[in-house]
């Protein structure tokens, strides 16, 4: 049986661009179901989405802004003992947090209704 994953239905209510959706779906595919974390390299995400590194980085920032993911830099130690930057550690946030954030943002963008008094 093949490897599969489920994309939450709510993701389609968030107004994601096709690129954001593609990067998010790939991160969900890589996610450890217990820790909700993964650490694919930007290059690996590029290979699987067909996007450039700059484009993937842009969509990662946008997914963070939309509260779908958190990222954290990691460090690795080489065989020579040098410390280098590792891949980003991605944490997939609960989808309801992103839905609530979008709803609050949409509500705050609505114009304030002016209070009117009834004339007699």
C-alpha atoms as a PDB file:
ATOM      1  CA  UNK A   1       0.000   0.000   0.000  1.00  0.00           C
ATOM      2  CA  UNK A   2       1.300   3.468  -0.915  1.00  0.00           C
ATOM      3  CA  UNK A   3       2.099   6.339   1.393  1.00  0.00           C
ATOM      4  CA  UNK A   4      -0.728   8.856   1.655  1.00  0.00           C
ATOM      5  CA  UNK A   5      -1.731  11.828   3.748  1.00  0.00           C
ATOM      6  CA  UNK A   6      -4.868  13.842   4.359  1.00  0.00           C
ATOM      7  CA  UNK A   7      -5.157  17.539   3.676  1.00  0.00           C
ATOM      8  CA  UNK A   8      -7.649  19.209   6.024  1.00  0.00           C
ATOM      9  CA  UNK A   9     -10.754  20.461   4.195  1.00  0.00           C
ATOM     10  CA  UNK A  10     -10.495  23.817   5.999  1.00  0.00           C
ATOM     11  CA  UNK A  11      -7.328  24.638   4.060  1.00  0.00           C
ATOM     12  CA  UNK A  12      -9.557  25.443   1.079  1.00  0.00           C
ATOM     13  CA  UNK A  13     -11.325  28.206   3.038  1.00  0.00           C
ATOM     14  CA  UNK A  14      -8.109  30.148   3.606  1.00  0.00           C
ATOM     15  CA  UNK A  15      -7.673  31.612   0.125  1.00  0.00           C
ATOM     16  CA  UNK A  16      -4.241  30.084  -0.442  1.00  0.00           C
ATOM     17  CA  UNK A  17      -2.521  30.579  -3.781  1.00  0.00           C
ATOM     18  CA  UNK A  18      -1.707  27.433  -5.785  1.00  0.00           C
ATOM     19  CA  UNK A  19       1.962  27.810  -4.773  1.00  0.00           C
ATOM     20  CA  UNK A  20       1.157  28.152  -1.068  1.00  0.00           C
ATOM     21  CA  UNK A  21      -1.130  25.136  -1.293  1.00  0.00           C
ATOM     22  CA  UNK A  22       1.554  23.091  -3.047  1.00  0.00           C
ATOM     23  CA  UNK A  23       4.241  23.883  -0.441  1.00  0.00           C
ATOM     24  CA  UNK A  24       1.788  23.283   2.430  1.00  0.00           C
ATOM     25  CA  UNK A  25       0.692  19.948   0.931  1.00  0.00           C
ATOM     26  CA  UNK A  26       4.319  18.842   0.589  1.00  0.00           C
ATOM     27  CA  UNK A  27       5.049  19.765   4.218  1.00  0.00           C
ATOM     28  CA  UNK A  28       1.947  17.825   5.286  1.00  0.00           C
ATOM     29  CA  UNK A  29       3.228  14.858   3.247  1.00  0.00           C
ATOM     30  CA  UNK A  30       6.586  15.000   5.096  1.00  0.00           C
ATOM     31  CA  UNK A  31       5.074  15.620   8.537  1.00  0.00           C
ATOM     32  CA  UNK A  32       5.660  13.230  11.438  1.00  0.00           C
ATOM     33  CA  UNK A  33       2.057  12.561  12.518  1.00  0.00           C
ATOM     34  CA  UNK A  34       2.980  12.443  16.209  1.00  0.00           C
ATOM     35  CA  UNK A  35       5.188  15.544  16.513  1.00  0.00           C
ATOM     36  CA  UNK A  36       3.630  17.507  13.605  1.00  0.00           C
ATOM     37  CA  UNK A  37       7.164  18.392  12.517  1.00  0.00           C
ATOM     38  CA  UNK A  38       9.348  17.836   9.470  1.00  0.00           C
ATOM     39  CA  UNK A  39      12.617  19.213   8.137  1.00  0.00           C
ATOM     40  CA  UNK A  40      12.862  18.893   4.343  1.00  0.00           C
ATOM     41  CA  UNK A  41      15.473  21.130   2.737  1.00  0.00           C
ATOM     42  CA  UNK A  42      14.425  24.000   0.494  1.00  0.00           C
ATOM     43  CA  UNK A  43      16.053  22.040  -2.351  1.00  0.00           C
ATOM     44  CA  UNK A  44      13.909  18.984  -1.617  1.00  0.00           C
ATOM     45  CA  UNK A  45      10.742  21.110  -1.546  1.00  0.00           C
ATOM     46  CA  UNK A  46      11.841  22.645  -4.886  1.00  0.00           C
ATOM     47  CA  UNK A  47      12.289  19.170  -6.416  1.00  0.00           C
ATOM     48  CA  UNK A  48       8.804  18.074  -5.397  1.00  0.00           C
ATOM     49  CA  UNK A  49       6.923  21.281  -6.215  1.00  0.00           C
ATOM     50  CA  UNK A  50       8.782  22.380  -9.360  1.00  0.00           C
ATOM     51  CA  UNK A  51       9.440  25.847  -7.910  1.00  0.00           C
ATOM     52  CA  UNK A  52      12.641  27.851  -7.463  1.00  0.00           C
ATOM     53  CA  UNK A  53      14.264  28.271  -4.060  1.00  0.00           C
ATOM     54  CA  UNK A  54      13.252  31.949  -3.852  1.00  0.00           C
ATOM     55  CA  UNK A  55       9.643  31.087  -4.668  1.00  0.00           C
ATOM     56  CA  UNK A  56       9.540  28.290  -2.084  1.00  0.00           C
ATOM     57  CA  UNK A  57      11.042  30.630   0.537  1.00  0.00           C
ATOM     58  CA  UNK A  58       8.377  33.242  -0.282  1.00  0.00           C
ATOM     59  CA  UNK A  59       5.566  30.714   0.146  1.00  0.00           C
ATOM     60  CA  UNK A  60       7.049  29.457   3.418  1.00  0.00           C
ATOM     61  CA  UNK A  61       6.993  33.034   4.777  1.00  0.00           C
ATOM     62  CA  UNK A  62       3.384  33.435   3.606  1.00  0.00           C
ATOM     63  CA  UNK A  63       2.346  30.158   5.260  1.00  0.00           C
ATOM     64  CA  UNK A  64       3.928  31.406   8.487  1.00  0.00           C
ATOM     65  CA  UNK A  65       2.059  34.712   8.201  1.00  0.00           C
ATOM     66  CA  UNK A  66      -1.193  32.802   7.719  1.00  0.00           C
ATOM     67  CA  UNK A  67      -0.427  30.783  10.877  1.00  0.00           C
ATOM     68  CA  UNK A  68      -0.316  27.425   9.098  1.00  0.00           C
ATOM     69  CA  UNK A  69       3.287  26.632  10.002  1.00  0.00           C
ATOM     70  CA  UNK A  70       6.091  27.687  12.321  1.00  0.00           C
ATOM     71  CA  UNK A  71       9.737  27.469  11.292  1.00  0.00           C
ATOM     72  CA  UNK A  72      12.835  27.183  13.411  1.00  0.00           C
ATOM     73  CA  UNK A  73      16.460  27.207  12.227  1.00  0.00           C
ATOM     74  CA  UNK A  74      18.562  24.177  13.126  1.00  0.00           C
ATOM     75  CA  UNK A  75      22.313  23.619  13.448  1.00  0.00           C
ATOM     76  CA  UNK A  76      24.346  20.607  12.363  1.00  0.00           C
ATOM     77  CA  UNK A  77      27.875  19.587  13.266  1.00  0.00           C
ATOM     78  CA  UNK A  78      30.114  18.456  10.414  1.00  0.00           C
ATOM     79  CA  UNK A  79      32.572  15.552  10.693  1.00  0.00           C
ATOM     80  CA  UNK A  80      35.287  18.185  11.060  1.00  0.00           C
ATOM     81  CA  UNK A  81      33.464  19.555  14.098  1.00  0.00           C
ATOM     82  CA  UNK A  82      32.257  22.763  12.460  1.00  0.00           C
ATOM     83  CA  UNK A  83      28.766  24.020  13.248  1.00  0.00           C
ATOM     84  CA  UNK A  84      26.701  24.885  10.178  1.00  0.00           C
ATOM     85  CA  UNK A  85      23.135  25.942   9.529  1.00  0.00           C
ATOM     86  CA  UNK A  86      20.846  22.973   8.997  1.00  0.00           C
ATOM     87  CA  UNK A  87      17.439  22.731   7.379  1.00  0.00           C
ATOM     88  CA  UNK A  88      14.510  24.620   8.797  1.00  0.00           C
ATOM     89  CA  UNK A  89      12.396  22.653  11.245  1.00  0.00           C
ATOM     90  CA  UNK A  90       8.747  23.038  10.221  1.00  0.00           C
ATOM     91  CA  UNK A  91       5.918  22.608  12.693  1.00  0.00           C
ATOM     92  CA  UNK A  92       2.452  22.203  11.195  1.00  0.00           C
ATOM     93  CA  UNK A  93       0.069  24.224  13.349  1.00  0.00           C
ATOM     94  CA  UNK A  94      -3.517  23.142  14.056  1.00  0.00           C
ATOM     95  CA  UNK A  95      -5.653  24.166  11.069  1.00  0.00           C
ATOM     96  CA  UNK A  96      -8.279  25.763  13.318  1.00  0.00           C
ATOM     97  CA  UNK A  97      -5.726  28.369  14.450  1.00  0.00           C
ATOM     98  CA  UNK A  98      -5.236  29.477  10.845  1.00  0.00           C
ATOM     99  CA  UNK A  99      -9.000  29.513  10.212  1.00  0.00           C
ATOM    100  CA  UNK A 100      -9.597  31.622  13.337  1.00  0.00           C
ATOM    101  CA  UNK A 101      -6.772  34.002  12.393  1.00  0.00           C
ATOM    102  CA  UNK A 102      -8.221  34.513   8.903  1.00  0.00           C
ATOM    103  CA  UNK A 103     -11.716  35.120  10.286  1.00  0.00           C
ATOM    104  CA  UNK A 104     -10.400  37.702  12.777  1.00  0.00           C
ATOM    105  CA  UNK A 105      -8.383  39.398  10.038  1.00  0.00           C
ATOM    106  CA  UNK A 106     -11.389  39.462   7.684  1.00  0.00           C
ATOM    107  CA  UNK A 107     -13.636  40.865  10.420  1.00  0.00           C
ATOM    108  CA  UNK A 108     -11.184  43.606  11.323  1.00  0.00           C
ATOM    109  CA  UNK A 109     -11.027  44.657   7.669  1.00  0.00           C
ATOM    110  CA  UNK A 110     -14.772  45.274   7.527  1.00  0.00           C
ATOM    111  CA  UNK A 111     -15.815  48.920   7.757  1.00  0.00           C
ATOM    112  CA  UNK A 112     -17.185  50.002  11.128  1.00  0.00           C
ATOM    113  CA  UNK A 113     -20.911  50.626  10.848  1.00  0.00           C
ATOM    114  CA  UNK A 114     -21.711  54.148  11.922  1.00  0.00           C
ATOM    115  CA  UNK A 115     -24.110  54.369  14.751  1.00  0.00           C
ATOM    116  CA  UNK A 116     -27.165  56.230  13.673  1.00  0.00           C
ATOM    117  CA  UNK A 117     -29.914  57.510  15.802  1.00  0.00           C
ATOM    118  CA  UNK A 118     -33.446  57.220  14.697  1.00  0.00           C
ATOM    119  CA  UNK A 119     -34.943  60.573  13.904  1.00  0.00           C
ATOM    120  CA  UNK A 120     -38.278  61.412  15.376  1.00  0.00           C
END
